[in-house]
N, C-alpha and C. Protein backbone atom coordinates (compact mmCIF):
# COMPACT_ATOMS: atom_id res chain seq x y z
N MET A 1 -0.80 -1.47 -9.91
CA MET A 1 -0.27 -2.37 -8.91
C MET A 1 -1.01 -3.69 -9.04
N SER A 2 -0.28 -4.78 -9.24
CA SER A 2 -0.91 -6.08 -9.37
C SER A 2 -0.95 -6.78 -8.02
N GLN A 3 -1.84 -7.72 -7.94
CA GLN A 3 -2.04 -8.44 -6.69
C GLN A 3 -2.09 -9.92 -6.99
N ASP A 4 -1.42 -10.72 -6.16
CA ASP A 4 -1.49 -12.17 -6.32
C ASP A 4 -2.94 -12.63 -6.17
N ASP A 5 -3.32 -13.64 -6.92
CA ASP A 5 -4.69 -14.15 -6.83
C ASP A 5 -5.02 -14.68 -5.45
N ASP A 6 -4.02 -15.10 -4.69
CA ASP A 6 -4.23 -15.64 -3.35
C ASP A 6 -4.30 -14.56 -2.27
N THR A 7 -3.98 -13.30 -2.63
CA THR A 7 -3.97 -12.23 -1.66
C THR A 7 -5.33 -11.54 -1.64
N PRO A 8 -6.02 -11.57 -0.50
CA PRO A 8 -7.32 -10.92 -0.44
C PRO A 8 -7.19 -9.41 -0.59
N ASP A 9 -8.19 -8.80 -1.22
CA ASP A 9 -8.16 -7.34 -1.35
C ASP A 9 -8.59 -6.70 -0.02
N LEU A 10 -8.42 -5.40 0.06
CA LEU A 10 -8.69 -4.66 1.29
C LEU A 10 -10.12 -4.88 1.78
N ARG A 11 -11.08 -4.78 0.89
CA ARG A 11 -12.48 -4.93 1.29
C ARG A 11 -12.77 -6.33 1.82
N SER A 12 -12.15 -7.33 1.24
CA SER A 12 -12.33 -8.70 1.74
C SER A 12 -11.72 -8.85 3.13
N LEU A 13 -10.55 -8.27 3.32
CA LEU A 13 -9.92 -8.31 4.64
C LEU A 13 -10.77 -7.61 5.69
N LEU A 14 -11.27 -6.43 5.34
CA LEU A 14 -12.11 -5.70 6.28
C LEU A 14 -13.40 -6.46 6.58
N ASN A 15 -13.99 -7.04 5.55
CA ASN A 15 -15.22 -7.81 5.74
C ASN A 15 -14.99 -8.97 6.71
N ALA A 16 -13.84 -9.61 6.60
CA ALA A 16 -13.51 -10.73 7.49
C ALA A 16 -13.31 -10.27 8.93
N GLN A 17 -13.06 -8.98 9.12
CA GLN A 17 -12.79 -8.44 10.46
C GLN A 17 -14.01 -7.78 11.10
N THR A 18 -15.15 -7.80 10.43
CA THR A 18 -16.35 -7.20 11.03
C THR A 18 -16.93 -8.13 12.07
N GLY A 19 -17.68 -7.54 12.93
CA GLY A 19 -18.37 -8.32 13.95
C GLY A 19 -19.41 -7.47 14.62
N THR A 20 -20.13 -8.07 15.54
CA THR A 20 -21.09 -7.31 16.31
C THR A 20 -20.55 -7.10 17.71
N ALA A 21 -20.95 -5.99 18.29
CA ALA A 21 -20.56 -5.67 19.66
C ALA A 21 -21.66 -4.83 20.28
N ARG A 22 -21.86 -5.03 21.55
CA ARG A 22 -22.85 -4.24 22.29
C ARG A 22 -22.17 -2.96 22.78
N TRP A 23 -22.98 -1.96 23.07
CA TRP A 23 -22.45 -0.68 23.53
C TRP A 23 -21.53 -0.85 24.73
N SER A 24 -21.87 -1.74 25.64
CA SER A 24 -21.05 -1.94 26.83
C SER A 24 -19.61 -2.33 26.47
N GLU A 25 -19.43 -2.94 25.30
CA GLU A 25 -18.08 -3.31 24.84
C GLU A 25 -17.39 -2.17 24.10
N LEU A 26 -18.16 -1.17 23.68
CA LEU A 26 -17.63 -0.09 22.85
C LEU A 26 -17.42 1.22 23.61
N GLU A 27 -17.96 1.31 24.81
CA GLU A 27 -17.89 2.56 25.57
C GLU A 27 -16.47 3.07 25.73
N ARG A 28 -15.53 2.17 25.94
CA ARG A 28 -14.14 2.62 26.16
C ARG A 28 -13.58 3.30 24.91
N HIS A 29 -14.01 2.86 23.73
CA HIS A 29 -13.54 3.50 22.50
C HIS A 29 -14.16 4.89 22.35
N PHE A 30 -15.42 5.02 22.77
CA PHE A 30 -16.08 6.34 22.80
C PHE A 30 -15.31 7.27 23.72
N ALA A 31 -14.95 6.78 24.90
CA ALA A 31 -14.22 7.59 25.87
C ALA A 31 -12.86 8.03 25.33
N ARG A 32 -12.24 7.20 24.50
CA ARG A 32 -10.93 7.52 23.91
C ARG A 32 -11.06 8.45 22.70
N GLY A 33 -12.29 8.66 22.22
CA GLY A 33 -12.51 9.55 21.08
C GLY A 33 -12.20 8.92 19.74
N VAL A 34 -12.23 7.58 19.66
CA VAL A 34 -11.89 6.92 18.39
C VAL A 34 -13.08 6.22 17.75
N LEU A 35 -14.27 6.40 18.32
CA LEU A 35 -15.47 5.77 17.78
C LEU A 35 -16.06 6.67 16.70
N VAL A 36 -16.44 6.07 15.58
CA VAL A 36 -17.04 6.81 14.48
C VAL A 36 -18.35 6.11 14.11
N LEU A 37 -19.43 6.90 14.08
CA LEU A 37 -20.75 6.38 13.74
C LEU A 37 -20.97 6.48 12.24
N VAL A 38 -21.35 5.36 11.65
CA VAL A 38 -21.61 5.27 10.21
C VAL A 38 -23.11 5.18 10.01
N ALA A 39 -23.66 6.03 9.16
CA ALA A 39 -25.10 6.05 8.89
C ALA A 39 -25.56 4.70 8.33
N PRO A 40 -26.80 4.32 8.63
CA PRO A 40 -27.30 3.02 8.18
C PRO A 40 -27.41 2.87 6.66
N ASP A 41 -27.45 3.99 5.93
CA ASP A 41 -27.56 3.90 4.48
C ASP A 41 -26.20 3.75 3.79
N LEU A 42 -25.12 3.74 4.56
CA LEU A 42 -23.79 3.54 3.99
C LEU A 42 -23.35 2.10 4.21
N ASP A 43 -22.46 1.63 3.34
CA ASP A 43 -21.86 0.30 3.48
C ASP A 43 -20.66 0.42 4.42
N LEU A 44 -20.75 -0.24 5.56
CA LEU A 44 -19.70 -0.15 6.58
C LEU A 44 -18.33 -0.51 6.02
N ILE A 45 -18.26 -1.55 5.22
CA ILE A 45 -16.97 -2.00 4.66
C ILE A 45 -16.41 -0.96 3.69
N GLU A 46 -17.28 -0.39 2.88
CA GLU A 46 -16.83 0.64 1.93
C GLU A 46 -16.29 1.86 2.67
N VAL A 47 -16.96 2.26 3.73
CA VAL A 47 -16.49 3.40 4.52
C VAL A 47 -15.12 3.08 5.13
N ALA A 48 -14.98 1.91 5.72
CA ALA A 48 -13.70 1.52 6.32
C ALA A 48 -12.59 1.49 5.26
N ALA A 49 -12.91 0.99 4.08
CA ALA A 49 -11.91 0.93 3.01
C ALA A 49 -11.49 2.33 2.57
N ARG A 50 -12.47 3.22 2.42
CA ARG A 50 -12.14 4.58 2.00
C ARG A 50 -11.29 5.29 3.03
N ILE A 51 -11.54 5.02 4.30
CA ILE A 51 -10.70 5.61 5.35
C ILE A 51 -9.29 5.03 5.26
N ALA A 52 -9.19 3.73 5.13
CA ALA A 52 -7.87 3.07 5.03
C ALA A 52 -7.10 3.54 3.80
N GLU A 53 -7.82 3.83 2.73
CA GLU A 53 -7.19 4.30 1.48
C GLU A 53 -6.92 5.80 1.50
N ASP A 54 -7.28 6.46 2.60
CA ASP A 54 -7.09 7.90 2.78
C ASP A 54 -7.80 8.70 1.68
N ASP A 55 -9.04 8.30 1.38
CA ASP A 55 -9.87 9.00 0.40
C ASP A 55 -10.52 10.21 1.09
N LYS A 56 -9.73 11.26 1.27
CA LYS A 56 -10.17 12.42 2.03
C LYS A 56 -11.43 13.06 1.45
N ALA A 57 -11.53 13.15 0.14
CA ALA A 57 -12.68 13.81 -0.48
C ALA A 57 -13.98 13.08 -0.13
N GLN A 58 -13.98 11.76 -0.23
CA GLN A 58 -15.21 11.01 0.07
C GLN A 58 -15.52 11.03 1.55
N VAL A 59 -14.50 10.87 2.39
CA VAL A 59 -14.71 10.88 3.84
C VAL A 59 -15.24 12.25 4.27
N GLU A 60 -14.68 13.32 3.74
CA GLU A 60 -15.16 14.66 4.07
C GLU A 60 -16.59 14.88 3.58
N ALA A 61 -16.94 14.32 2.43
CA ALA A 61 -18.31 14.44 1.92
C ALA A 61 -19.29 13.74 2.87
N TRP A 62 -18.93 12.53 3.33
CA TRP A 62 -19.79 11.82 4.27
C TRP A 62 -19.90 12.59 5.58
N MET A 63 -18.80 13.16 6.03
CA MET A 63 -18.83 13.93 7.27
C MET A 63 -19.69 15.18 7.10
N GLY A 64 -19.55 15.84 5.98
CA GLY A 64 -20.32 17.04 5.72
C GLY A 64 -21.82 16.79 5.67
N SER A 65 -22.20 15.61 5.20
CA SER A 65 -23.62 15.26 5.11
C SER A 65 -24.15 14.66 6.41
N GLY A 66 -23.26 14.43 7.38
CA GLY A 66 -23.66 13.84 8.65
C GLY A 66 -23.77 12.33 8.62
N GLN A 67 -23.38 11.71 7.50
CA GLN A 67 -23.44 10.25 7.39
C GLN A 67 -22.30 9.56 8.13
N LEU A 68 -21.30 10.32 8.46
CA LEU A 68 -20.13 9.82 9.18
C LEU A 68 -19.80 10.87 10.22
N ARG A 69 -19.84 10.47 11.50
CA ARG A 69 -19.62 11.46 12.55
C ARG A 69 -19.20 10.80 13.85
N GLY A 70 -18.64 11.64 14.69
CA GLY A 70 -18.35 11.18 16.04
C GLY A 70 -19.65 11.18 16.83
N PRO A 71 -19.88 10.16 17.65
CA PRO A 71 -21.10 10.13 18.45
C PRO A 71 -21.09 11.24 19.50
N GLU A 72 -22.29 11.66 19.86
CA GLU A 72 -22.45 12.69 20.88
C GLU A 72 -22.83 12.04 22.21
N ILE A 73 -22.75 12.82 23.27
CA ILE A 73 -23.10 12.32 24.60
C ILE A 73 -24.54 11.78 24.61
N ALA A 74 -25.46 12.47 23.94
CA ALA A 74 -26.86 12.00 23.89
C ALA A 74 -26.95 10.62 23.25
N ASP A 75 -26.16 10.39 22.20
CA ASP A 75 -26.12 9.07 21.57
C ASP A 75 -25.66 8.03 22.58
N ALA A 76 -24.57 8.33 23.27
CA ALA A 76 -23.99 7.39 24.23
C ALA A 76 -24.98 7.06 25.34
N ARG A 77 -25.71 8.06 25.80
CA ARG A 77 -26.71 7.81 26.85
C ARG A 77 -27.78 6.83 26.37
N GLU A 78 -28.30 7.08 25.17
CA GLU A 78 -29.34 6.19 24.62
C GLU A 78 -28.80 4.78 24.42
N TRP A 79 -27.60 4.67 23.86
CA TRP A 79 -27.01 3.36 23.62
C TRP A 79 -26.75 2.63 24.94
N HIS A 80 -26.33 3.39 25.94
CA HIS A 80 -26.09 2.79 27.25
C HIS A 80 -27.40 2.24 27.84
N GLU A 81 -28.46 3.03 27.72
CA GLU A 81 -29.76 2.64 28.26
C GLU A 81 -30.27 1.34 27.63
N HIS A 82 -30.02 1.17 26.34
CA HIS A 82 -30.52 -0.01 25.61
C HIS A 82 -29.45 -1.07 25.37
N ASP A 83 -28.21 -0.80 25.77
CA ASP A 83 -27.06 -1.64 25.44
C ASP A 83 -27.15 -2.07 23.97
N THR A 84 -27.23 -1.06 23.12
CA THR A 84 -27.43 -1.22 21.68
C THR A 84 -26.36 -2.10 21.05
N GLU A 85 -26.78 -2.85 20.04
CA GLU A 85 -25.86 -3.71 19.29
C GLU A 85 -25.45 -3.01 17.99
N PHE A 86 -24.18 -3.16 17.65
CA PHE A 86 -23.61 -2.52 16.46
C PHE A 86 -22.84 -3.53 15.63
N TRP A 87 -22.79 -3.25 14.33
CA TRP A 87 -21.78 -3.87 13.47
C TRP A 87 -20.53 -3.03 13.65
N THR A 88 -19.38 -3.65 13.73
CA THR A 88 -18.13 -2.92 13.96
C THR A 88 -17.02 -3.41 13.03
N VAL A 89 -16.12 -2.50 12.76
CA VAL A 89 -14.88 -2.84 12.06
C VAL A 89 -13.86 -1.76 12.42
N VAL A 90 -12.61 -2.15 12.48
CA VAL A 90 -11.54 -1.21 12.79
C VAL A 90 -10.85 -0.79 11.51
N SER A 91 -10.75 0.51 11.32
CA SER A 91 -9.91 1.09 10.28
C SER A 91 -9.00 2.05 11.03
N ALA A 92 -7.90 1.50 11.54
CA ALA A 92 -7.03 2.18 12.49
C ALA A 92 -6.76 3.62 12.08
N PRO A 93 -6.83 4.51 13.04
CA PRO A 93 -7.05 4.29 14.46
C PRO A 93 -8.53 4.28 14.87
N TRP A 94 -9.41 4.28 13.93
CA TRP A 94 -10.84 4.43 14.20
C TRP A 94 -11.55 3.10 14.39
N VAL A 95 -12.56 3.11 15.25
CA VAL A 95 -13.47 1.99 15.42
C VAL A 95 -14.79 2.46 14.82
N LEU A 96 -15.16 1.87 13.69
CA LEU A 96 -16.38 2.27 13.00
C LEU A 96 -17.53 1.42 13.51
N VAL A 97 -18.66 2.07 13.77
CA VAL A 97 -19.83 1.36 14.27
C VAL A 97 -21.06 1.77 13.47
N GLN A 98 -21.96 0.83 13.35
CA GLN A 98 -23.22 1.07 12.64
C GLN A 98 -24.29 0.24 13.39
N GLU A 99 -25.36 0.90 13.78
CA GLU A 99 -26.41 0.18 14.51
C GLU A 99 -26.93 -0.97 13.66
N THR A 100 -27.15 -2.10 14.31
CA THR A 100 -27.70 -3.24 13.60
C THR A 100 -29.16 -2.96 13.26
N ALA A 101 -29.65 -3.58 12.22
CA ALA A 101 -31.03 -3.36 11.76
C ALA A 101 -32.01 -3.85 12.81
N GLY A 102 -33.14 -3.17 12.85
CA GLY A 102 -34.21 -3.60 13.71
C GLY A 102 -34.12 -3.15 15.14
N ARG A 103 -33.16 -2.29 15.47
CA ARG A 103 -32.98 -1.84 16.84
C ARG A 103 -34.11 -0.90 17.26
N ARG A 104 -34.55 -0.05 16.38
CA ARG A 104 -35.55 0.94 16.77
C ARG A 104 -36.87 0.49 16.37
């Protein structure tokens, strides 16, 4: 499949859509069950791209290793207490979050 030189690739599009958000802005996504925690050693954009590309094998491998998971109530309590800041990107229907460096 060819792509026009002027058309950004998926990873570029996702990168342009990243941002930071505090836990207070993300709680509603946690409540809806669409928040996904990405381990700090993974590239947030790469994870979002693999989800968008439906790369089940890689996503399942990350989930199996615990590098990609749904947050638990204990996580939410800690994040609420500190109003933790995250890098975020949407790979519909999921909202992917990764704690910003230097939080702990």
